[in-house]
C-alpha atoms as a PDB file:
ATOM      1  CA  MET A   1     202.930 210.511 -61.228  1.00  0.00           C
ATOM      2  CA  ASP A   2     204.968 212.515 -63.715  1.00  0.00           C
ATOM      3  CA  VAL A   3     203.157 214.238 -66.579  1.00  0.00           C
ATOM      4  CA  GLN A   4     204.902 214.900 -69.873  1.00  0.00           C
ATOM      5  CA  VAL A   5     203.410 217.702 -72.013  1.00  0.00           C
ATOM      6  CA  VAL A   6     204.310 217.840 -75.703  1.00  0.00           C
ATOM      7  CA  VAL A   7     203.498 221.127 -77.452  1.00  0.00           C
ATOM      8  CA  ASP A   8     203.755 221.961 -81.135  1.00  0.00           C
ATOM      9  CA  GLY A   9     206.557 224.466 -81.610  1.00  0.00           C
ATOM     10  CA  GLU A  10     208.295 227.146 -79.586  1.00  0.00           C
ATOM     11  CA  GLY A  11     205.970 229.877 -78.356  1.00  0.00           C
ATOM     12  CA  VAL A  12     202.704 227.992 -78.818  1.00  0.00           C
ATOM     13  CA  ASP A  13     202.765 227.185 -75.104  1.00  0.00           C
ATOM     14  CA  HIS A  14     202.468 230.881 -74.204  1.00  0.00           C
ATOM     15  CA  HIS A  15     199.716 231.612 -76.731  1.00  0.00           C
ATOM     16  CA  VAL A  16     197.597 228.510 -76.147  1.00  0.00           C
ATOM     17  CA  LEU A  17     198.357 227.401 -72.606  1.00  0.00           C
ATOM     18  CA  GLY A  18     198.822 230.839 -71.107  1.00  0.00           C
ATOM     19  CA  PRO A  19     201.565 232.155 -68.807  1.00  0.00           C
ATOM     20  CA  GLY A  20     199.593 231.456 -65.632  1.00  0.00           C
ATOM     21  CA  LEU A  21     199.222 227.754 -66.346  1.00  0.00           C
ATOM     22  CA  LEU A  22     202.851 227.473 -67.417  1.00  0.00           C
ATOM     23  CA  ALA A  23     204.040 229.139 -64.219  1.00  0.00           C
ATOM     24  CA  GLY A  24     201.954 226.709 -62.186  1.00  0.00           C
ATOM     25  CA  TRP A  25     203.418 223.756 -64.033  1.00  0.00           C
ATOM     26  CA  ARG A  26     206.962 224.930 -63.500  1.00  0.00           C
ATOM     27  CA  ARG A  27     206.354 225.106 -59.738  1.00  0.00           C
ATOM     28  CA  GLN A  28     205.290 221.456 -59.800  1.00  0.00           C
ATOM     29  CA  HIS A  29     208.286 219.351 -60.735  1.00  0.00           C
ATOM     30  CA  ARG A  30     206.161 216.465 -61.959  1.00  0.00           C
ATOM     31  CA  PHE A  31     205.265 218.396 -65.149  1.00  0.00           C
ATOM     32  CA  HIS A  32     207.798 218.165 -67.975  1.00  0.00           C
ATOM     33  CA  LEU A  33     207.386 220.392 -71.029  1.00  0.00           C
ATOM     34  CA  GLU A  34     208.762 219.295 -74.386  1.00  0.00           C
ATOM     35  CA  HIS A  35     208.635 221.187 -77.678  1.00  0.00           C
ATOM     36  CA  ALA A  36     208.132 219.379 -80.979  1.00  0.00           C
ATOM     37  CA  SER A  37     208.411 221.744 -83.915  1.00  0.00           C
ATOM     38  CA  THR A  38     207.580 219.265 -86.679  1.00  0.00           C
ATOM     39  CA  PRO A  39     205.062 216.428 -87.079  1.00  0.00           C
ATOM     40  CA  ALA A  40     207.978 214.011 -87.345  1.00  0.00           C
ATOM     41  CA  ALA A  41     209.408 215.231 -84.037  1.00  0.00           C
ATOM     42  CA  TRP A  42     206.014 215.009 -82.368  1.00  0.00           C
ATOM     43  CA  LEU A  43     205.517 211.442 -83.567  1.00  0.00           C
ATOM     44  CA  THR A  44     208.924 210.425 -82.305  1.00  0.00           C
ATOM     45  CA  SER A  45     208.326 212.107 -78.944  1.00  0.00           C
ATOM     46  CA  ALA A  46     204.878 210.598 -78.569  1.00  0.00           C
ATOM     47  CA  ARG A  47     206.031 207.130 -79.480  1.00  0.00           C
ATOM     48  CA  ASN A  48     209.141 207.138 -77.327  1.00  0.00           C
ATOM     49  CA  SER A  49     208.046 209.209 -74.335  1.00  0.00           C
ATOM     50  CA  VAL A  50     204.311 208.873 -73.951  1.00  0.00           C
ATOM     51  CA  GLY A  51     203.492 205.401 -75.256  1.00  0.00           C
ATOM     52  CA  MET A  52     200.641 206.596 -77.443  1.00  0.00           C
ATOM     53  CA  SER A  53     200.268 203.429 -79.499  1.00  0.00           C
ATOM     54  CA  GLU A  54     199.901 201.282 -76.387  1.00  0.00           C
ATOM     55  CA  VAL A  55     197.306 203.635 -74.904  1.00  0.00           C
ATOM     56  CA  ALA A  56     195.316 203.513 -78.137  1.00  0.00           C
ATOM     57  CA  ASP A  57     195.433 199.717 -78.280  1.00  0.00           C
ATOM     58  CA  ARG A  58     194.249 199.409 -74.692  1.00  0.00           C
ATOM     59  CA  ILE A  59     191.387 201.855 -75.281  1.00  0.00           C
ATOM     60  CA  HIS A  60     190.220 199.897 -78.307  1.00  0.00           C
ATOM     61  CA  GLU A  61     190.256 196.642 -76.341  1.00  0.00           C
ATOM     62  CA  TRP A  62     188.277 198.327 -73.567  1.00  0.00           C
ATOM     63  CA  ARG A  63     185.662 199.671 -75.993  1.00  0.00           C
ATOM     64  CA  ALA A  64     185.237 196.294 -77.685  1.00  0.00           C
ATOM     65  CA  ALA A  65     184.798 194.536 -74.334  1.00  0.00           C
ATOM     66  CA  GLU A  66     182.217 197.143 -73.158  1.00  0.00           C
ATOM     67  CA  GLN A  67     183.700 197.260 -69.675  1.00  0.00           C
ATOM     68  CA  ARG A  68     182.765 199.978 -67.192  1.00  0.00           C
ATOM     69  CA  GLU A  69     186.281 200.925 -66.131  1.00  0.00           C
ATOM     70  CA  PHE A  70     189.366 201.741 -68.124  1.00  0.00           C
ATOM     71  CA  THR A  71     192.725 201.335 -66.404  1.00  0.00           C
ATOM     72  CA  TRP A  72     196.179 201.609 -67.909  1.00  0.00           C
ATOM     73  CA  VAL A  73     199.487 201.748 -66.097  1.00  0.00           C
ATOM     74  CA  ARG A  74     202.424 202.947 -68.145  1.00  0.00           C
ATOM     75  CA  PRO A  75     205.618 201.074 -67.323  1.00  0.00           C
ATOM     76  CA  SER A  76     208.817 202.992 -66.926  1.00  0.00           C
ATOM     77  CA  ARG A  77     211.095 203.257 -69.949  1.00  0.00           C
ATOM     78  CA  THR A  78     213.326 200.735 -68.185  1.00  0.00           C
ATOM     79  CA  VAL A  79     210.813 197.975 -68.865  1.00  0.00           C
ATOM     80  CA  ALA A  80     211.220 197.638 -72.636  1.00  0.00           C
ATOM     81  CA  THR A  81     214.999 197.693 -72.280  1.00  0.00           C
ATOM     82  CA  ALA A  82     214.819 195.164 -69.481  1.00  0.00           C
ATOM     83  CA  ALA A  83     212.576 192.891 -71.540  1.00  0.00           C
ATOM     84  CA  ALA A  84     215.031 192.946 -74.403  1.00  0.00           C
ATOM     85  CA  GLN A  85     217.957 192.221 -72.101  1.00  0.00           C
ATOM     86  CA  GLY A  86     216.141 189.701 -69.921  1.00  0.00           C
ATOM     87  CA  GLN A  87     217.489 186.689 -71.799  1.00  0.00           C
ATOM     88  CA  GLU A  88     221.123 187.593 -71.171  1.00  0.00           C
ATOM     89  CA  GLY A  89     221.082 186.537 -67.528  1.00  0.00           C
ATOM     90  CA  ASN A  90     222.342 188.400 -64.511  1.00  0.00           C
ATOM     91  CA  SER A  91     225.890 189.436 -63.721  1.00  0.00           C
ATOM     92  CA  ALA A  92     227.533 191.711 -61.215  1.00  0.00           C
ATOM     93  CA  ASN A  93     226.766 194.712 -63.420  1.00  0.00           C
ATOM     94  CA  ASP A  94     223.482 193.384 -64.726  1.00  0.00           C
ATOM     95  CA  THR A  95     220.890 193.330 -61.962  1.00  0.00           C
ATOM     96  CA  ALA A  96     217.116 193.398 -62.244  1.00  0.00           C
ATOM     97  CA  PRO A  97     215.552 196.860 -61.874  1.00  0.00           C
ATOM     98  CA  SER A  98     213.537 197.013 -58.678  1.00  0.00           C
ATOM     99  CA  SER A  99     211.084 199.587 -60.061  1.00  0.00           C
ATOM    100  CA  ALA A 100     210.683 198.331 -63.607  1.00  0.00           C
ATOM    101  CA  VAL A 101     206.943 197.801 -63.134  1.00  0.00           C
ATOM    102  CA  THR A 102     204.311 199.359 -60.936  1.00  0.00           C
ATOM    103  CA  HIS A 103     202.841 197.295 -58.096  1.00  0.00           C
ATOM    104  CA  GLY A 104     199.477 197.967 -56.543  1.00  0.00           C
ATOM    105  CA  PRO A 105     195.899 196.711 -56.071  1.00  0.00           C
ATOM    106  CA  GLY A 106     194.849 194.207 -58.711  1.00  0.00           C
ATOM    107  CA  GLN A 107     198.477 194.041 -59.736  1.00  0.00           C
ATOM    108  CA  GLY A 108     198.367 190.587 -61.375  1.00  0.00           C
ATOM    109  CA  ARG A 109     196.570 191.682 -64.523  1.00  0.00           C
ATOM    110  CA  ARG A 110     198.276 195.058 -64.604  1.00  0.00           C
ATOM    111  CA  LEU A 111     201.738 193.567 -64.286  1.00  0.00           C
ATOM    112  CA  ALA A 112     200.981 191.136 -67.095  1.00  0.00           C
ATOM    113  CA  ASP A 113     199.797 194.067 -69.240  1.00  0.00           C
ATOM    114  CA  GLN A 114     203.055 195.896 -68.568  1.00  0.00           C
ATOM    115  CA  VAL A 115     205.109 192.856 -69.535  1.00  0.00           C
ATOM    116  CA  VAL A 116     203.036 192.533 -72.717  1.00  0.00           C
ATOM    117  CA  TYR A 117     203.734 196.173 -73.536  1.00  0.00           C
ATOM    118  CA  ALA A 118     207.457 195.785 -72.833  1.00  0.00           C
ATOM    119  CA  LEU A 119     207.771 192.732 -75.043  1.00  0.00           C
ATOM    120  CA  LYS A 120     205.738 194.260 -77.864  1.00  0.00           C
ATOM    121  CA  GLU A 121     207.911 197.351 -77.952  1.00  0.00           C
ATOM    122  CA  ALA A 122     211.078 195.269 -77.809  1.00  0.00           C
ATOM    123  CA  MET A 123     209.892 193.023 -80.646  1.00  0.00           C
ATOM    124  CA  ALA A 124     208.656 195.894 -82.807  1.00  0.00           C
ATOM    125  CA  SER A 125     211.978 197.707 -82.429  1.00  0.00           C
ATOM    126  CA  GLY A 126     213.919 194.666 -83.601  1.00  0.00           C
ATOM    127  CA  GLN A 127     215.488 193.745 -80.252  1.00  0.00           C
ATOM    128  CA  PHE A 128     214.582 190.075 -80.709  1.00  0.00           C
ATOM    129  CA  ALA A 129     215.504 187.834 -83.631  1.00  0.00           C
ATOM    130  CA  ALA A 130     213.306 185.206 -85.257  1.00  0.00           C
ATOM    131  CA  GLY A 131     213.687 181.912 -83.420  1.00  0.00           C
ATOM    132  CA  GLU A 132     214.988 183.547 -80.230  1.00  0.00           C
ATOM    133  CA  ARG A 133     213.692 182.049 -76.988  1.00  0.00           C
ATOM    134  CA  ILE A 134     212.079 184.069 -74.199  1.00  0.00           C
ATOM    135  CA  THR A 135     212.167 182.266 -70.873  1.00  0.00           C
ATOM    136  CA  GLU A 136     210.162 183.175 -67.799  1.00  0.00           C
ATOM    137  CA  GLU A 137     212.719 183.214 -65.016  1.00  0.00           C
ATOM    138  CA  PRO A 138     215.365 185.574 -66.513  1.00  0.00           C
ATOM    139  CA  LEU A 139     212.686 187.961 -67.774  1.00  0.00           C
ATOM    140  CA  ALA A 140     210.847 187.981 -64.436  1.00  0.00           C
ATOM    141  CA  ALA A 141     214.107 188.680 -62.603  1.00  0.00           C
ATOM    142  CA  ARG A 142     214.969 191.479 -64.989  1.00  0.00           C
ATOM    143  CA  LEU A 143     211.568 193.150 -64.601  1.00  0.00           C
ATOM    144  CA  GLY A 144     211.400 192.643 -60.846  1.00  0.00           C
ATOM    145  CA  VAL A 145     208.167 190.613 -60.923  1.00  0.00           C
ATOM    146  CA  SER A 146     207.175 187.053 -60.168  1.00  0.00           C
ATOM    147  CA  ARG A 147     206.950 184.458 -62.932  1.00  0.00           C
ATOM    148  CA  GLY A 148     203.129 184.536 -62.877  1.00  0.00           C
ATOM    149  CA  PRO A 149     202.663 187.865 -64.733  1.00  0.00           C
ATOM    150  CA  VAL A 150     205.402 186.889 -67.194  1.00  0.00           C
ATOM    151  CA  ARG A 151     203.687 183.564 -67.879  1.00  0.00           C
ATOM    152  CA  ASP A 152     200.360 185.352 -68.386  1.00  0.00           C
ATOM    153  CA  ALA A 153     202.001 187.889 -70.713  1.00  0.00           C
ATOM    154  CA  LEU A 154     203.573 185.179 -72.857  1.00  0.00           C
ATOM    155  CA  ARG A 155     200.206 183.450 -73.125  1.00  0.00           C
ATOM    156  CA  MET A 156     198.484 186.699 -74.128  1.00  0.00           C
ATOM    157  CA  LEU A 157     201.066 187.373 -76.826  1.00  0.00           C
ATOM    158  CA  ALA A 158     200.747 183.820 -78.101  1.00  0.00           C
ATOM    159  CA  GLU A 159     196.984 184.308 -78.417  1.00  0.00           C
ATOM    160  CA  GLU A 160     197.702 187.313 -80.649  1.00  0.00           C
ATOM    161  CA  GLY A 161     200.061 185.224 -82.759  1.00  0.00           C
ATOM    162  CA  LEU A 162     203.134 187.218 -81.742  1.00  0.00           C
ATOM    163  CA  LEU A 163     204.860 184.351 -79.910  1.00  0.00           C
ATOM    164  CA  GLU A 164     204.884 180.577 -80.034  1.00  0.00           C
ATOM    165  CA  LEU A 165     204.626 178.838 -76.667  1.00  0.00           C
ATOM    166  CA  LEU A 166     207.017 175.988 -75.875  1.00  0.00           C
ATOM    167  CA  PRO A 167     205.831 173.417 -73.301  1.00  0.00           C
ATOM    168  CA  ASN A 168     207.674 174.164 -70.046  1.00  0.00           C
ATOM    169  CA  LYS A 169     210.264 176.177 -71.980  1.00  0.00           C
ATOM    170  CA  GLY A 170     208.792 179.674 -72.262  1.00  0.00           C
ATOM    171  CA  ALA A 171     208.194 181.016 -75.755  1.00  0.00           C
ATOM    172  CA  VAL A 172     209.971 181.716 -79.009  1.00  0.00           C
ATOM    173  CA  ILE A 173     209.858 184.551 -81.541  1.00  0.00           C
ATOM    174  CA  PRO A 174     208.178 182.964 -84.590  1.00  0.00           C
ATOM    175  CA  THR A 175     210.066 182.496 -87.805  1.00  0.00           C
ATOM    176  CA  ILE A 176     208.359 184.356 -90.630  1.00  0.00           C
ATOM    177  CA  ASN A 177     207.486 182.679 -93.896  1.00  0.00           C
ATOM    178  CA  ALA A 178     205.687 183.833 -97.016  1.00  0.00           C
ATOM    179  CA  THR A 179     202.382 182.302 -95.955  1.00  0.00           C
ATOM    180  CA  ASP A 180     202.395 184.354 -92.731  1.00  0.00           C
ATOM    181  CA  VAL A 181     202.819 187.547 -94.746  1.00  0.00           C
ATOM    182  CA  LEU A 182     200.118 186.650 -97.275  1.00  0.00           C
ATOM    183  CA  GLU A 183     197.611 185.605 -94.612  1.00  0.00           C
ATOM    184  CA  THR A 184     198.104 188.754 -92.539  1.00  0.00           C
ATOM    185  CA  TYR A 185     197.805 191.100 -95.502  1.00  0.00           C
ATOM    186  CA  ALA A 186     194.743 189.289 -96.893  1.00  0.00           C
ATOM    187  CA  SER A 187     192.960 189.573 -93.547  1.00  0.00           C
ATOM    188  CA  ARG A 188     193.918 193.228 -93.187  1.00  0.00           C
ATOM    189  CA  ALA A 189     192.732 193.948 -96.731  1.00  0.00           C
ATOM    190  CA  SER A 190     189.280 192.557 -95.979  1.00  0.00           C
ATOM    191  CA  LEU A 191     188.902 194.345 -92.641  1.00  0.00           C
ATOM    192  CA  GLY A 192     190.115 197.628 -94.137  1.00  0.00           C
ATOM    193  CA  SER A 193     187.545 197.372 -96.892  1.00  0.00           C
ATOM    194  CA  VAL A 194     184.763 197.009 -94.324  1.00  0.00           C
ATOM    195  CA  LEU A 195     185.986 200.069 -92.426  1.00  0.00           C
ATOM    196  CA  LEU A 196     186.314 202.235 -95.542  1.00  0.00           C
ATOM    197  CA  ARG A 197     182.833 201.349 -96.824  1.00  0.00           C
ATOM    198  CA  ARG A 198     181.435 202.390 -93.471  1.00  0.00           C
ATOM    199  CA  LEU A 199     183.501 205.568 -93.296  1.00  0.00           C
ATOM    200  CA  VAL A 200     182.140 207.067 -96.523  1.00  0.00           C
ATOM    201  CA  THR A 201     178.663 207.090 -94.973  1.00  0.00           C
ATOM    202  CA  LEU A 202     179.693 209.323 -92.068  1.00  0.00           C
ATOM    203  CA  GLU A 203     179.938 213.078 -91.800  1.00  0.00           C
ATOM    204  CA  PRO A 204     182.997 214.821 -93.365  1.00  0.00           C
ATOM    205  CA  ALA A 205     184.293 215.832 -89.922  1.00  0.00           C
ATOM    206  CA  ALA A 206     185.128 212.175 -89.279  1.00  0.00           C
ATOM    207  CA  LEU A 207     187.948 212.483 -91.824  1.00  0.00           C
ATOM    208  CA  ARG A 208     189.891 215.173 -89.952  1.00  0.00           C
ATOM    209  CA  PRO A 209     192.211 212.801 -88.066  1.00  0.00           C
ATOM    210  CA  VAL A 210     192.747 210.833 -91.279  1.00  0.00           C
ATOM    211  CA  SER A 211     193.798 214.007 -93.102  1.00  0.00           C
ATOM    212  CA  ALA A 212     196.100 215.034 -90.237  1.00  0.00           C
ATOM    213  CA  ALA A 213     197.810 211.643 -90.315  1.00  0.00           C
ATOM    214  CA  LEU A 214     198.409 211.972 -94.058  1.00  0.00           C
ATOM    215  CA  ASP A 215     200.036 215.365 -93.487  1.00  0.00           C
ATOM    216  CA  GLN A 216     202.393 213.729 -90.990  1.00  0.00           C
ATOM    217  CA  ALA A 217     203.342 211.027 -93.488  1.00  0.00           C
ATOM    218  CA  ARG A 218     204.036 213.616 -96.175  1.00  0.00           C
ATOM    219  CA  ALA A 219     206.238 215.622 -93.822  1.00  0.00           C
ATOM    220  CA  ALA A 220     208.205 212.499 -92.917  1.00  0.00           C
ATOM    221  CA  VAL A 221     208.833 211.718 -96.596  1.00  0.00           C
ATOM    222  CA  ARG A 222     210.024 215.295 -97.188  1.00  0.00           C
ATOM    223  CA  HIS A 223     212.479 214.925 -94.310  1.00  0.00           C
ATOM    224  CA  ARG A 224     213.455 211.446 -95.560  1.00  0.00           C
ATOM    225  CA  ASP A 225     212.733 209.977 -92.146  1.00  0.00           C
ATOM    226  CA  MET A 226     211.619 206.484 -93.081  1.00  0.00           C
ATOM    227  CA  GLN A 227     211.004 205.285 -89.536  1.00  0.00           C
ATOM    228  CA  VAL A 228     208.632 208.158 -88.859  1.00  0.00           C
ATOM    229  CA  MET A 229     207.009 207.675 -92.288  1.00  0.00           C
ATOM    230  CA  VAL A 230     206.195 204.056 -91.443  1.00  0.00           C
ATOM    231  CA  GLU A 231     204.784 205.173 -88.083  1.00  0.00           C
ATOM    232  CA  ALA A 232     202.751 207.928 -89.778  1.00  0.00           C
ATOM    233  CA  ASP A 233     201.357 205.483 -92.333  1.00  0.00           C
ATOM    234  CA  THR A 234     200.320 203.260 -89.444  1.00  0.00           C
ATOM    235  CA  VAL A 235     198.651 206.254 -87.785  1.00  0.00           C
ATOM    236  CA  PHE A 236     196.835 206.984 -91.073  1.00  0.00           C
ATOM    237  CA  GLN A 237     195.437 203.450 -91.225  1.00  0.00           C
ATOM    238  CA  ASP A 238     194.500 203.441 -87.557  1.00  0.00           C
ATOM    239  CA  ALA A 239     192.845 206.846 -88.011  1.00  0.00           C
ATOM    240  CA  PHE A 240     190.416 205.660 -90.669  1.00  0.00           C
ATOM    241  CA  ALA A 241     189.796 202.501 -88.641  1.00  0.00           C
ATOM    242  CA  ASP A 242     188.905 204.576 -85.571  1.00  0.00           C
ATOM    243  CA  ALA A 243     186.780 207.034 -87.550  1.00  0.00           C
ATOM    244  CA  ALA A 244     184.587 204.264 -88.994  1.00  0.00           C
ATOM    245  CA  ARG A 245     182.981 203.643 -85.580  1.00  0.00           C
ATOM    246  CA  LEU A 246     183.134 199.879 -85.857  1.00  0.00           C
ATOM    247  CA  PRO A 247     185.165 199.165 -82.699  1.00  0.00           C
ATOM    248  CA  ARG A 248     185.353 195.381 -82.986  1.00  0.00           C
ATOM    249  CA  THR A 249     186.504 195.451 -86.584  1.00  0.00           C
ATOM    250  CA  ALA A 250     188.975 198.216 -85.769  1.00  0.00           C
ATOM    251  CA  LEU A 251     190.381 196.197 -82.856  1.00  0.00           C
ATOM    252  CA  HIS A 252     191.177 193.196 -85.069  1.00  0.00           C
ATOM    253  CA  PHE A 253     192.546 195.532 -87.738  1.00  0.00           C
ATOM    254  CA  ARG A 254     194.973 197.083 -85.260  1.00  0.00           C
ATOM    255  CA  ARG A 255     196.123 193.737 -83.901  1.00  0.00           C
ATOM    256  CA  LEU A 256     197.080 192.655 -87.401  1.00  0.00           C
ATOM    257  CA  ASN A 257     199.117 195.838 -87.658  1.00  0.00           C
ATOM    258  CA  MET A 258     201.248 194.661 -84.741  1.00  0.00           C
ATOM    259  CA  GLN A 259     201.925 191.490 -86.716  1.00  0.00           C
ATOM    260  CA  LEU A 260     203.170 193.569 -89.631  1.00  0.00           C
ATOM    261  CA  ARG A 261     205.389 195.662 -87.332  1.00  0.00           C
ATOM    262  CA  LEU A 262     206.929 192.440 -86.064  1.00  0.00           C
ATOM    263  CA  PHE A 263     207.454 191.184 -89.626  1.00  0.00           C
ATOM    264  CA  SER A 264     209.130 194.435 -90.650  1.00  0.00           C
ATOM    265  CA  SER A 265     211.484 194.579 -87.671  1.00  0.00           C
ATOM    266  CA  THR A 266     212.414 190.903 -87.904  1.00  0.00           C
ATOM    267  CA  LEU A 267     213.134 191.147 -91.618  1.00  0.00           C
ATOM    268  CA  GLY A 268     214.841 194.519 -91.279  1.00  0.00           C
ATOM    269  CA  LEU A 269     212.774 195.962 -94.123  1.00  0.00           C
ATOM    270  CA  ASP A 270     213.838 199.216 -95.742  1.00  0.00           C
ATOM    271  CA  TYR A 271     210.868 201.254 -96.981  1.00  0.00           C
ATOM    272  CA  ALA A 272     212.905 204.007 -98.626  1.00  0.00           C
ATOM    273  CA  ASP A 273     211.967 202.868-102.125  1.00  0.00           C
ATOM    274  CA  ALA A 274     208.300 202.491-101.211  1.00  0.00           C
ATOM    275  CA  SER A 275     207.684 205.627 -99.141  1.00  0.00           C
ATOM    276  CA  GLU A 276     206.537 208.057-101.837  1.00  0.00           C
ATOM    277  CA  ARG A 277     204.256 205.495-103.429  1.00  0.00           C
ATOM    278  CA  VAL A 278     202.692 204.622-100.068  1.00  0.00           C
ATOM    279  CA  VAL A 279     201.928 208.285 -99.385  1.00  0.00           C
ATOM    280  CA  ARG A 280     200.398 208.715-102.864  1.00  0.00           C
ATOM    281  CA  GLN A 281     198.176 205.699-102.254  1.00  0.00           C
ATOM    282  CA  ASP A 282     197.114 207.079 -98.867  1.00  0.00           C
ATOM    283  CA  ALA A 283     196.249 210.386-100.561  1.00  0.00           C
ATOM    284  CA  ALA A 284     194.142 208.570-103.168  1.00  0.00           C
ATOM    285  CA  ILE A 285     192.259 206.737-100.404  1.00  0.00           C
ATOM    286  CA  LEU A 286     191.553 209.997 -98.579  1.00  0.00           C
ATOM    287  CA  GLU A 287     190.369 211.731-101.759  1.00  0.00           C
ATOM    288  CA  ALA A 288     187.970 208.863-102.459  1.00  0.00           C
ATOM    289  CA  LEU A 289     186.627 209.119 -98.904  1.00  0.00           C
ATOM    290  CA  ARG A 290     186.069 212.850 -99.327  1.00  0.00           C
ATOM    291  CA  SER A 291     184.223 212.151-102.583  1.00  0.00           C
ATOM    292  CA  ARG A 292     182.108 209.566-100.726  1.00  0.00           C
ATOM    293  CA  SER A 293     183.100 206.854-103.167  1.00  0.00           C
ATOM    294  CA  GLY A 294     183.387 203.643-101.222  1.00  0.00           C
ATOM    295  CA  HIS A 295     184.164 201.761-104.424  1.00  0.00           C
ATOM    296  CA  ASP A 296     187.215 203.938-105.188  1.00  0.00           C
ATOM    297  CA  ALA A 297     188.400 204.005-101.574  1.00  0.00           C
ATOM    298  CA  VAL A 298     188.404 200.214-101.435  1.00  0.00           C
ATOM    299  CA  ARG A 299     190.039 199.984-104.870  1.00  0.00           C
ATOM    300  CA  HIS A 300     192.934 202.222-103.805  1.00  0.00           C
ATOM    301  CA  TRP A 301     193.232 200.435-100.469  1.00  0.00           C
ATOM    302  CA  ARG A 302     193.479 197.048-102.164  1.00  0.00           C
ATOM    303  CA  ALA A 303     196.007 198.374-104.660  1.00  0.00           C
ATOM    304  CA  LYS A 304     198.124 199.519-101.732  1.00  0.00           C
ATOM    305  CA  ILE A 305     197.854 196.126-100.031  1.00  0.00           C
ATOM    306  CA  GLU A 306     198.768 194.373-103.272  1.00  0.00           C
ATOM    307  CA  TYR A 307     201.893 196.506-103.613  1.00  0.00           C
ATOM    308  CA  MET A 308     202.956 196.153 -99.979  1.00  0.00           C
ATOM    309  CA  VAL A 309     202.530 192.384 -99.771  1.00  0.00           C
ATOM    310  CA  ARG A 310     204.700 191.899-102.843  1.00  0.00           C
ATOM    311  CA  TYR A 311     207.246 194.398-101.504  1.00  0.00           C
ATOM    312  CA  MET A 312     207.513 192.510 -98.209  1.00  0.00           C
ATOM    313  CA  ALA A 313     207.380 189.005 -99.712  1.00  0.00           C
ATOM    314  CA  ALA A 314     210.176 189.881-102.132  1.00  0.00           C
ATOM    315  CA  GLN A 315     212.517 190.460 -99.173  1.00  0.00           C
ATOM    316  CA  LEU A 316     211.902 187.110 -97.515  1.00  0.00           C
ATOM    317  CA  PRO A 317     215.038 184.939 -97.697  1.00  0.00           C
ATOM    318  CA  GLN A 318     214.741 181.839 -99.863  1.00  0.00           C
ATOM    319  CA  GLU A 319     210.984 182.174-100.188  1.00  0.00           C
ATOM    320  CA  ASP A 320     209.052 182.322-103.404  1.00  0.00           C
ATOM    321  CA  PHE A 321     205.915 184.405-103.727  1.00  0.00           C
ATOM    322  CA  ASP A 322     203.028 181.940-104.071  1.00  0.00           C
ATOM    323  CA  ALA A 323     200.881 183.816-106.569  1.00  0.00           C
ATOM    324  CA  GLN A 324     198.156 181.181-106.560  1.00  0.00           C
ATOM    325  CA  LEU A 325     197.832 181.190-102.770  1.00  0.00           C
ATOM    326  CA  TRP A 326     197.692 184.983-102.721  1.00  0.00           C
ATOM    327  CA  LEU A 327     195.006 185.003-105.417  1.00  0.00           C
ATOM    328  CA  THR A 328     192.991 182.407-103.513  1.00  0.00           C
ATOM    329  CA  ILE A 329     192.968 184.079-100.095  1.00  0.00           C
ATOM    330  CA  SER A 330     192.928 187.717-101.221  1.00  0.00           C
ATOM    331  CA  GLY A 331     190.014 187.459-103.641  1.00  0.00           C
ATOM    332  CA  ASN A 332     192.008 189.123-106.450  1.00  0.00           C
ATOM    333  CA  LEU A 333     192.977 192.472-105.004  1.00  0.00           C
ATOM    334  CA  ASP A 334     193.778 193.727-108.488  1.00  0.00           C
ATOM    335  CA  GLY A 335     190.095 193.519-109.313  1.00  0.00           C
ATOM    336  CA  PRO A 336     187.547 196.333-108.873  1.00  0.00           C
ATOM    337  CA  GLY A 337     187.323 196.149-105.094  1.00  0.00           C
ATOM    338  CA  ARG A 338     185.287 192.978-104.895  1.00  0.00           C
END
């Protein structure tokens, strides 16, 4: 298979990798070298070319299940595009890609995983609208698979709350309402608090990936790249979830993040006005973790959640923010981290 190597900046490949290794790679055409001179560029390259978020999600699921083997097959970049276009039907210029997914031993589960990945990326990038139907036959034809893996993928996504199944009619992208937003944020607030309280008890070295993620978010804000800033903020949250060494809690935490990505893309949210505040709140959380103050870390985390849920709810069309419902299910996030 092809291997894509992303290195940080021009020249670092010679100093770190060495000329001998580079020469060997260049003789083997399956190695592709790409330079990323800024954190923002690296994030974009990793997300678009390597599929880092999907790899991380699969690893977390594997750890939580305590299975002996870990297997992940990355679909070609054609898959996400094909998934998004699969509802448009076939025409003379619109045929299903024959190599959109990888076939092999134990292919049923693997093909379903690839369809799940394709649909997640298509939904998160805003290629589906709320209320849009996804039907098995056109999508299966587009991806070059049978209807079985597509049916399994739709079921898996429905179990995660990302789709709504329709009896004998495929699935539909759910319509978002204020209650969905409040419920997701309240659950994420509680899980994040558990992870942060655990993290302050661990050695300082556990915070290194958290600090690196914050640096990426700051760089994105400086470059006014809001898409990368949102991705970097997600990386920051996933980093402290991973570092806490509570794999089951972290798994549920990350799944809720996919819900929020879907909300944001469906609503077309613009985080330009919120970016600097989000980064300041992330910095306050990190400083509290370094000071080993679980109370302050949770307080800053809950303040961030409070701000973000109101920011998102305010952009919902014809929906009023139900302050009483939010107070009931969130446990008063304005309070002292209770």
